[in-house]
């Protein structure tokens, strides 16, 4: 079985974002970066499927030169080789543009299964995986909590709202977006780190996929604090509070 895992490098969670002078992105030159956590679970699931069915795991990412660090980490965990669609422009590209760049680099590989993390820790759009499936022409399932490959198909367990789950069977090849917590992560050993230095990272030029999203103005949420006293009897105050929660705050339906 030939499995691809699409991963992303994101700013570390303890870094305090600062908007750049053009207010179009953060000052990522000042940031430190790490492997996107949901993608780590996708890598682990791919490695487990390889252990069951054989084959190889290929990690793929789109972004600037620094992304090679995240790819090396995935290789150290056990992936066999990597594909890097290298481009600075993809840092601020939307999900469709990133998916298009990845799909162009992956088409010639003929993967049986493509895994991504459910969403990225920085933007959290949860759209790259489904856009990738559309471009590749593969069936897709999202929020996956269990994967069982059976010959030409894969049976997956999806997490729904309210504690409900759904079992779905898809023909292969297919794209799955993996939920965090699906498995227990393994970490790179010293042997794995040394072996990763010799594994291939194939660098490719990005396909010309125009971004559909333009960032006009980026800013940190403004802190606001306002106190309003509700007068009248307890019953009147309760009615006024419910009205404000429903009409102003819109937290009640």
C-alpha atoms as a PDB file:
ATOM      1  CA  UNK A   1       0.000   0.000   0.000  1.00  0.00           C
ATOM      2  CA  UNK A   2       1.298   3.424  -0.967  1.00  0.00           C
ATOM      3  CA  UNK A   3       0.209   6.085   1.519  1.00  0.00           C
ATOM      4  CA  UNK A   4       0.700   9.849   1.326  1.00  0.00           C
ATOM      5  CA  UNK A   5       0.489  12.104   4.363  1.00  0.00           C
ATOM      6  CA  UNK A   6       0.123  15.845   3.809  1.00  0.00           C
ATOM      7  CA  UNK A   7       1.544  17.882   6.654  1.00  0.00           C
ATOM      8  CA  UNK A   8       2.015  21.510   7.547  1.00  0.00           C
ATOM      9  CA  UNK A   9       4.567  23.432   9.580  1.00  0.00           C
ATOM     10  CA  UNK A  10       2.909  25.939  11.934  1.00  0.00           C
ATOM     11  CA  UNK A  11       4.110  28.493  14.510  1.00  0.00           C
ATOM     12  CA  UNK A  12       4.689  27.026  17.951  1.00  0.00           C
ATOM     13  CA  UNK A  13       1.771  27.436  20.318  1.00  0.00           C
ATOM     14  CA  UNK A  14       3.704  29.529  22.837  1.00  0.00           C
ATOM     15  CA  UNK A  15       4.714  32.141  20.230  1.00  0.00           C
ATOM     16  CA  UNK A  16       2.813  35.410  20.512  1.00  0.00           C
ATOM     17  CA  UNK A  17       1.760  36.392  16.948  1.00  0.00           C
ATOM     18  CA  UNK A  18       2.638  39.898  15.723  1.00  0.00           C
ATOM     19  CA  UNK A  19       1.029  41.373  12.623  1.00  0.00           C
ATOM     20  CA  UNK A  20       3.366  42.589   9.884  1.00  0.00           C
ATOM     21  CA  UNK A  21       3.488  46.211   8.703  1.00  0.00           C
ATOM     22  CA  UNK A  22       1.145  45.555   5.777  1.00  0.00           C
ATOM     23  CA  UNK A  23      -1.384  43.896   8.108  1.00  0.00           C
ATOM     24  CA  UNK A  24      -1.618  40.970   5.686  1.00  0.00           C
ATOM     25  CA  UNK A  25       0.170  38.289   7.721  1.00  0.00           C
ATOM     26  CA  UNK A  26       2.133  37.703  10.888  1.00  0.00           C
ATOM     27  CA  UNK A  27       5.838  38.404  11.275  1.00  0.00           C
ATOM     28  CA  UNK A  28       6.813  34.809  10.728  1.00  0.00           C
ATOM     29  CA  UNK A  29      10.494  35.738  10.472  1.00  0.00           C
ATOM     30  CA  UNK A  30      10.317  36.198  14.252  1.00  0.00           C
ATOM     31  CA  UNK A  31       8.443  32.938  14.868  1.00  0.00           C
ATOM     32  CA  UNK A  32       9.531  29.456  15.822  1.00  0.00           C
ATOM     33  CA  UNK A  33       7.847  26.551  14.056  1.00  0.00           C
ATOM     34  CA  UNK A  34       6.763  22.979  14.694  1.00  0.00           C
ATOM     35  CA  UNK A  35       4.914  20.113  13.031  1.00  0.00           C
ATOM     36  CA  UNK A  36       1.155  20.647  13.030  1.00  0.00           C
ATOM     37  CA  UNK A  37      -0.205  18.381  15.784  1.00  0.00           C
ATOM     38  CA  UNK A  38      -3.216  16.924  13.883  1.00  0.00           C
ATOM     39  CA  UNK A  39      -0.836  16.014  11.057  1.00  0.00           C
ATOM     40  CA  UNK A  40       1.322  14.088  13.536  1.00  0.00           C
ATOM     41  CA  UNK A  41      -1.666  11.803  14.177  1.00  0.00           C
ATOM     42  CA  UNK A  42      -2.096  11.339  10.416  1.00  0.00           C
ATOM     43  CA  UNK A  43       1.574  10.324  10.138  1.00  0.00           C
ATOM     44  CA  UNK A  44       1.158   7.839  12.991  1.00  0.00           C
ATOM     45  CA  UNK A  45      -1.945   6.312  11.393  1.00  0.00           C
ATOM     46  CA  UNK A  46      -0.121   5.945   8.063  1.00  0.00           C
ATOM     47  CA  UNK A  47       2.785   4.182   9.776  1.00  0.00           C
ATOM     48  CA  UNK A  48       0.376   1.793  11.499  1.00  0.00           C
ATOM     49  CA  UNK A  49      -1.343   0.983   8.211  1.00  0.00           C
ATOM     50  CA  UNK A  50       2.062   0.319   6.639  1.00  0.00           C
ATOM     51  CA  UNK A  51       2.909  -2.065   9.488  1.00  0.00           C
ATOM     52  CA  UNK A  52      -0.336  -3.963   8.807  1.00  0.00           C
ATOM     53  CA  UNK A  53      -0.350  -3.987   5.002  1.00  0.00           C
ATOM     54  CA  UNK A  54       3.216  -3.200   3.906  1.00  0.00           C
ATOM     55  CA  UNK A  55       4.171  -0.579   1.342  1.00  0.00           C
ATOM     56  CA  UNK A  56       5.577   2.896   1.933  1.00  0.00           C
ATOM     57  CA  UNK A  57       4.663   6.195   3.562  1.00  0.00           C
ATOM     58  CA  UNK A  58       5.438   9.417   1.688  1.00  0.00           C
ATOM     59  CA  UNK A  59       5.078  12.734   3.514  1.00  0.00           C
ATOM     60  CA  UNK A  60       4.209  15.816   1.457  1.00  0.00           C
ATOM     61  CA  UNK A  61       4.195  19.498   2.315  1.00  0.00           C
ATOM     62  CA  UNK A  62       3.921  22.849   0.555  1.00  0.00           C
ATOM     63  CA  UNK A  63       5.736  25.943   1.773  1.00  0.00           C
ATOM     64  CA  UNK A  64       9.084  27.700   2.083  1.00  0.00           C
ATOM     65  CA  UNK A  65      12.493  26.107   2.661  1.00  0.00           C
ATOM     66  CA  UNK A  66      11.952  25.882   6.439  1.00  0.00           C
ATOM     67  CA  UNK A  67       9.238  23.245   5.875  1.00  0.00           C
ATOM     68  CA  UNK A  68      12.034  20.711   5.287  1.00  0.00           C
ATOM     69  CA  UNK A  69      12.503  20.632   9.064  1.00  0.00           C
ATOM     70  CA  UNK A  70       8.969  19.263   9.570  1.00  0.00           C
ATOM     71  CA  UNK A  71       9.482  16.766   6.757  1.00  0.00           C
ATOM     72  CA  UNK A  72      12.718  15.547   8.370  1.00  0.00           C
ATOM     73  CA  UNK A  73      10.843  15.059  11.645  1.00  0.00           C
ATOM     74  CA  UNK A  74       8.259  12.904   9.861  1.00  0.00           C
ATOM     75  CA  UNK A  75      11.042  10.910   8.200  1.00  0.00           C
ATOM     76  CA  UNK A  76      12.661  10.392  11.592  1.00  0.00           C
ATOM     77  CA  UNK A  77       9.386   8.984  12.915  1.00  0.00           C
ATOM     78  CA  UNK A  78       9.378   6.350  10.189  1.00  0.00           C
ATOM     79  CA  UNK A  79       8.163   7.802   6.870  1.00  0.00           C
ATOM     80  CA  UNK A  80      10.098   6.502   3.866  1.00  0.00           C
ATOM     81  CA  UNK A  81      10.564   9.645   1.769  1.00  0.00           C
ATOM     82  CA  UNK A  82       9.204  13.147   1.281  1.00  0.00           C
ATOM     83  CA  UNK A  83       7.924  15.548  -1.359  1.00  0.00           C
ATOM     84  CA  UNK A  84       8.413  19.280  -0.783  1.00  0.00           C
ATOM     85  CA  UNK A  85       6.521  21.756  -2.976  1.00  0.00           C
ATOM     86  CA  UNK A  86       8.797  24.673  -2.198  1.00  0.00           C
ATOM     87  CA  UNK A  87       7.413  28.206  -2.498  1.00  0.00           C
ATOM     88  CA  UNK A  88       7.317  31.274  -0.262  1.00  0.00           C
ATOM     89  CA  UNK A  89       4.004  32.294  -1.860  1.00  0.00           C
ATOM     90  CA  UNK A  90       2.262  29.255  -0.374  1.00  0.00           C
ATOM     91  CA  UNK A  91       2.721  30.607   3.166  1.00  0.00           C
ATOM     92  CA  UNK A  92      -0.315  32.867   2.786  1.00  0.00           C
ATOM     93  CA  UNK A  93      -2.152  30.866   0.087  1.00  0.00           C
ATOM     94  CA  UNK A  94      -5.628  29.536   0.766  1.00  0.00           C
ATOM     95  CA  UNK A  95      -6.596  25.866   1.063  1.00  0.00           C
ATOM     96  CA  UNK A  96      -7.507  25.484  -2.633  1.00  0.00           C
ATOM     97  CA  UNK A  97      -4.155  26.854  -3.810  1.00  0.00           C
ATOM     98  CA  UNK A  98      -2.196  24.669  -1.365  1.00  0.00           C
ATOM     99  CA  UNK A  99      -4.245  21.603  -2.302  1.00  0.00           C
ATOM    100  CA  UNK A 100      -3.686  22.313  -5.988  1.00  0.00           C
ATOM    101  CA  UNK A 101       0.069  22.573  -5.492  1.00  0.00           C
ATOM    102  CA  UNK A 102       0.136  19.315  -3.525  1.00  0.00           C
ATOM    103  CA  UNK A 103      -2.115  17.496  -5.996  1.00  0.00           C
ATOM    104  CA  UNK A 104       0.099  18.424  -8.951  1.00  0.00           C
ATOM    105  CA  UNK A 105       3.142  17.003  -7.168  1.00  0.00           C
ATOM    106  CA  UNK A 106       1.306  13.837  -6.057  1.00  0.00           C
ATOM    107  CA  UNK A 107      -0.591  12.802  -9.200  1.00  0.00           C
ATOM    108  CA  UNK A 108       2.260  10.850 -10.768  1.00  0.00           C
ATOM    109  CA  UNK A 109       2.752   8.836  -7.572  1.00  0.00           C
ATOM    110  CA  UNK A 110      -0.541   6.840  -7.769  1.00  0.00           C
ATOM    111  CA  UNK A 111      -1.228   6.749  -4.025  1.00  0.00           C
ATOM    112  CA  UNK A 112      -3.718   4.245  -2.589  1.00  0.00           C
ATOM    113  CA  UNK A 113      -4.520   6.372   0.448  1.00  0.00           C
ATOM    114  CA  UNK A 114      -3.986  10.048   1.273  1.00  0.00           C
ATOM    115  CA  UNK A 115      -4.143  11.239   4.886  1.00  0.00           C
ATOM    116  CA  UNK A 116      -4.135  14.749   6.307  1.00  0.00           C
ATOM    117  CA  UNK A 117      -4.696  16.163   9.753  1.00  0.00           C
ATOM    118  CA  UNK A 118      -8.226  17.394  10.352  1.00  0.00           C
ATOM    119  CA  UNK A 119      -7.092  21.030  10.432  1.00  0.00           C
ATOM    120  CA  UNK A 120      -4.058  23.221  11.032  1.00  0.00           C
ATOM    121  CA  UNK A 121      -3.274  24.762  14.400  1.00  0.00           C
ATOM    122  CA  UNK A 122      -2.656  28.199  12.878  1.00  0.00           C
ATOM    123  CA  UNK A 123      -5.600  28.896  10.530  1.00  0.00           C
ATOM    124  CA  UNK A 124      -7.885  25.971  11.331  1.00  0.00           C
ATOM    125  CA  UNK A 125      -9.831  26.052   8.048  1.00  0.00           C
ATOM    126  CA  UNK A 126     -10.078  22.217   7.787  1.00  0.00           C
ATOM    127  CA  UNK A 127     -10.421  22.593   4.010  1.00  0.00           C
ATOM    128  CA  UNK A 128      -7.121  21.453   2.487  1.00  0.00           C
ATOM    129  CA  UNK A 129      -7.912  17.743   2.745  1.00  0.00           C
ATOM    130  CA  UNK A 130     -11.349  17.959   1.120  1.00  0.00           C
ATOM    131  CA  UNK A 131     -10.069  20.345  -1.577  1.00  0.00           C
ATOM    132  CA  UNK A 132      -7.244  17.905  -2.298  1.00  0.00           C
ATOM    133  CA  UNK A 133      -9.747  15.049  -2.699  1.00  0.00           C
ATOM    134  CA  UNK A 134     -11.805  17.108  -5.149  1.00  0.00           C
ATOM    135  CA  UNK A 135      -8.774  17.983  -7.266  1.00  0.00           C
ATOM    136  CA  UNK A 136      -7.455  14.399  -7.276  1.00  0.00           C
ATOM    137  CA  UNK A 137     -10.928  13.020  -7.983  1.00  0.00           C
ATOM    138  CA  UNK A 138     -10.827  10.760  -4.882  1.00  0.00           C
ATOM    139  CA  UNK A 139     -13.695  10.064  -2.448  1.00  0.00           C
ATOM    140  CA  UNK A 140     -13.143  11.634   0.954  1.00  0.00           C
ATOM    141  CA  UNK A 141     -14.224  11.317   4.568  1.00  0.00           C
ATOM    142  CA  UNK A 142     -13.486  13.726   7.411  1.00  0.00           C
ATOM    143  CA  UNK A 143     -12.981  13.659  11.203  1.00  0.00           C
ATOM    144  CA  UNK A 144     -11.729  10.067  11.162  1.00  0.00           C
ATOM    145  CA  UNK A 145     -11.303   8.170  14.434  1.00  0.00           C
ATOM    146  CA  UNK A 146     -10.630   4.663  13.092  1.00  0.00           C
ATOM    147  CA  UNK A 147      -9.309   3.243   9.815  1.00  0.00           C
ATOM    148  CA  UNK A 148      -9.681  -0.331   8.532  1.00  0.00           C
ATOM    149  CA  UNK A 149      -8.344  -1.106   5.059  1.00  0.00           C
ATOM    150  CA  UNK A 150      -9.942  -4.149   3.444  1.00  0.00           C
ATOM    151  CA  UNK A 151      -8.699  -4.941  -0.060  1.00  0.00           C
ATOM    152  CA  UNK A 152      -9.994  -2.366  -2.543  1.00  0.00           C
ATOM    153  CA  UNK A 153     -11.890  -0.357   0.082  1.00  0.00           C
ATOM    154  CA  UNK A 154     -11.448   1.331   3.445  1.00  0.00           C
ATOM    155  CA  UNK A 155     -13.946   1.422   6.311  1.00  0.00           C
ATOM    156  CA  UNK A 156     -13.677   4.453   8.577  1.00  0.00           C
ATOM    157  CA  UNK A 157     -15.277   5.708  11.771  1.00  0.00           C
ATOM    158  CA  UNK A 158     -16.273   9.384  11.699  1.00  0.00           C
ATOM    159  CA  UNK A 159     -16.811  11.522  14.788  1.00  0.00           C
ATOM    160  CA  UNK A 160     -20.082  13.451  14.664  1.00  0.00           C
ATOM    161  CA  UNK A 161     -21.637  15.972  17.056  1.00  0.00           C
ATOM    162  CA  UNK A 162     -23.183  15.075  20.377  1.00  0.00           C
ATOM    163  CA  UNK A 163     -21.067  11.975  20.956  1.00  0.00           C
ATOM    164  CA  UNK A 164     -22.348  10.173  17.845  1.00  0.00           C
ATOM    165  CA  UNK A 165     -20.210   8.245  15.353  1.00  0.00           C
ATOM    166  CA  UNK A 166     -20.720   7.120  11.762  1.00  0.00           C
ATOM    167  CA  UNK A 167     -19.175   4.196   9.868  1.00  0.00           C
ATOM    168  CA  UNK A 168     -18.498   4.809   6.167  1.00  0.00           C
ATOM    169  CA  UNK A 169     -16.964   2.563   3.495  1.00  0.00           C
ATOM    170  CA  UNK A 170     -15.052   4.189   0.623  1.00  0.00           C
ATOM    171  CA  UNK A 171     -13.348   2.699  -2.442  1.00  0.00           C
ATOM    172  CA  UNK A 172      -9.611   3.212  -2.728  1.00  0.00           C
ATOM    173  CA  UNK A 173      -7.857   5.481  -3.517  1.00  0.00           C
ATOM    174  CA  UNK A 174      -9.371   7.866  -0.970  1.00  0.00           C
ATOM    175  CA  UNK A 175      -8.534  10.930   1.132  1.00  0.00           C
ATOM    176  CA  UNK A 176      -9.098  10.917   4.905  1.00  0.00           C
ATOM    177  CA  UNK A 177      -8.735  13.816   7.347  1.00  0.00           C
ATOM    178  CA  UNK A 178      -7.583  12.422  10.691  1.00  0.00           C
ATOM    179  CA  UNK A 179      -8.871  13.591  14.074  1.00  0.00           C
ATOM    180  CA  UNK A 180      -6.377  14.214  16.875  1.00  0.00           C
ATOM    181  CA  UNK A 181      -6.389  11.432  19.442  1.00  0.00           C
ATOM    182  CA  UNK A 182      -7.037   8.615  16.967  1.00  0.00           C
ATOM    183  CA  UNK A 183      -3.889   6.863  18.182  1.00  0.00           C
ATOM    184  CA  UNK A 184      -0.893   7.104  20.504  1.00  0.00           C
ATOM    185  CA  UNK A 185       1.910   9.087  18.891  1.00  0.00           C
ATOM    186  CA  UNK A 186       5.381   7.653  18.528  1.00  0.00           C
ATOM    187  CA  UNK A 187       8.382   9.935  18.646  1.00  0.00           C
ATOM    188  CA  UNK A 188      11.626   9.915  16.740  1.00  0.00           C
ATOM    189  CA  UNK A 189      14.412   7.745  18.134  1.00  0.00           C
ATOM    190  CA  UNK A 190      18.099   8.531  17.743  1.00  0.00           C
ATOM    191  CA  UNK A 191      18.282   5.756  15.164  1.00  0.00           C
ATOM    192  CA  UNK A 192      15.343   7.282  13.301  1.00  0.00           C
ATOM    193  CA  UNK A 193      16.895  10.754  13.357  1.00  0.00           C
ATOM    194  CA  UNK A 194      20.157   9.439  11.919  1.00  0.00           C
ATOM    195  CA  UNK A 195      18.307   7.431   9.252  1.00  0.00           C
ATOM    196  CA  UNK A 196      16.223  10.478   8.252  1.00  0.00           C
ATOM    197  CA  UNK A 197      19.355  12.297   7.111  1.00  0.00           C
ATOM    198  CA  UNK A 198      19.766   9.770   4.293  1.00  0.00           C
ATOM    199  CA  UNK A 199      16.126   9.678   3.173  1.00  0.00           C
ATOM    200  CA  UNK A 200      15.029  11.496   0.040  1.00  0.00           C
ATOM    201  CA  UNK A 201      13.222  14.840   0.050  1.00  0.00           C
ATOM    202  CA  UNK A 202      12.155  15.506  -3.533  1.00  0.00           C
ATOM    203  CA  UNK A 203      11.726  19.220  -4.160  1.00  0.00           C
ATOM    204  CA  UNK A 204       9.304  20.276  -6.891  1.00  0.00           C
ATOM    205  CA  UNK A 205       8.168  23.583  -8.319  1.00  0.00           C
ATOM    206  CA  UNK A 206       4.586  24.549  -7.409  1.00  0.00           C
ATOM    207  CA  UNK A 207       1.850  24.435 -10.014  1.00  0.00           C
ATOM    208  CA  UNK A 208       0.263  27.781 -10.881  1.00  0.00           C
ATOM    209  CA  UNK A 209      -2.913  27.564  -8.817  1.00  0.00           C
ATOM    210  CA  UNK A 210      -4.289  31.053  -8.061  1.00  0.00           C
ATOM    211  CA  UNK A 211      -5.409  31.735  -4.516  1.00  0.00           C
ATOM    212  CA  UNK A 212      -9.134  32.377  -4.112  1.00  0.00           C
ATOM    213  CA  UNK A 213      -8.681  34.174  -0.797  1.00  0.00           C
ATOM    214  CA  UNK A 214      -7.156  37.610  -0.260  1.00  0.00           C
ATOM    215  CA  UNK A 215      -6.233  38.793   3.228  1.00  0.00           C
ATOM    216  CA  UNK A 216      -7.211  42.458   3.396  1.00  0.00           C
ATOM    217  CA  UNK A 217      -6.645  43.259   7.053  1.00  0.00           C
ATOM    218  CA  UNK A 218      -5.285  41.116   9.862  1.00  0.00           C
ATOM    219  CA  UNK A 219      -5.458  42.209  13.476  1.00  0.00           C
ATOM    220  CA  UNK A 220      -5.490  40.809  16.984  1.00  0.00           C
ATOM    221  CA  UNK A 221      -8.901  40.617  18.707  1.00  0.00           C
ATOM    222  CA  UNK A 222      -9.613  43.764  20.659  1.00  0.00           C
ATOM    223  CA  UNK A 223     -10.175  43.376  24.364  1.00  0.00           C
ATOM    224  CA  UNK A 224     -13.435  44.943  25.424  1.00  0.00           C
ATOM    225  CA  UNK A 225     -15.099  45.051  28.801  1.00  0.00           C
ATOM    226  CA  UNK A 226     -18.538  46.468  29.502  1.00  0.00           C
ATOM    227  CA  UNK A 227     -20.777  46.058  32.512  1.00  0.00           C
ATOM    228  CA  UNK A 228     -24.517  46.682  32.430  1.00  0.00           C
ATOM    229  CA  UNK A 229     -26.756  46.499  35.485  1.00  0.00           C
ATOM    230  CA  UNK A 230     -30.264  45.132  34.980  1.00  0.00           C
ATOM    231  CA  UNK A 231     -32.868  46.835  37.159  1.00  0.00           C
ATOM    232  CA  UNK A 232     -36.308  45.707  38.281  1.00  0.00           C
ATOM    233  CA  UNK A 233     -37.510  42.639  40.136  1.00  0.00           C
ATOM    234  CA  UNK A 234     -35.610  39.342  39.859  1.00  0.00           C
ATOM    235  CA  UNK A 235     -38.171  38.070  37.337  1.00  0.00           C
ATOM    236  CA  UNK A 236     -37.883  41.244  35.228  1.00  0.00           C
ATOM    237  CA  UNK A 237     -34.067  41.142  35.378  1.00  0.00           C
ATOM    238  CA  UNK A 238     -34.095  37.477  34.316  1.00  0.00           C
ATOM    239  CA  UNK A 239     -36.315  38.263  31.309  1.00  0.00           C
ATOM    240  CA  UNK A 240     -34.067  41.169  30.331  1.00  0.00           C
ATOM    241  CA  UNK A 241     -30.970  38.963  30.644  1.00  0.00           C
ATOM    242  CA  UNK A 242     -32.469  36.243  28.453  1.00  0.00           C
ATOM    243  CA  UNK A 243     -33.454  38.830  25.839  1.00  0.00           C
ATOM    244  CA  UNK A 244     -29.928  40.263  25.738  1.00  0.00           C
ATOM    245  CA  UNK A 245     -28.369  36.806  25.507  1.00  0.00           C
ATOM    246  CA  UNK A 246     -30.692  35.943  22.646  1.00  0.00           C
ATOM    247  CA  UNK A 247     -30.758  39.214  20.691  1.00  0.00           C
ATOM    248  CA  UNK A 248     -27.452  40.909  21.512  1.00  0.00           C
ATOM    249  CA  UNK A 249     -24.989  38.147  22.354  1.00  0.00           C
ATOM    250  CA  UNK A 250     -26.864  35.575  20.241  1.00  0.00           C
ATOM    251  CA  UNK A 251     -25.772  32.687  22.415  1.00  0.00           C
ATOM    252  CA  UNK A 252     -29.365  31.492  22.856  1.00  0.00           C
ATOM    253  CA  UNK A 253     -31.732  30.469  20.076  1.00  0.00           C
END
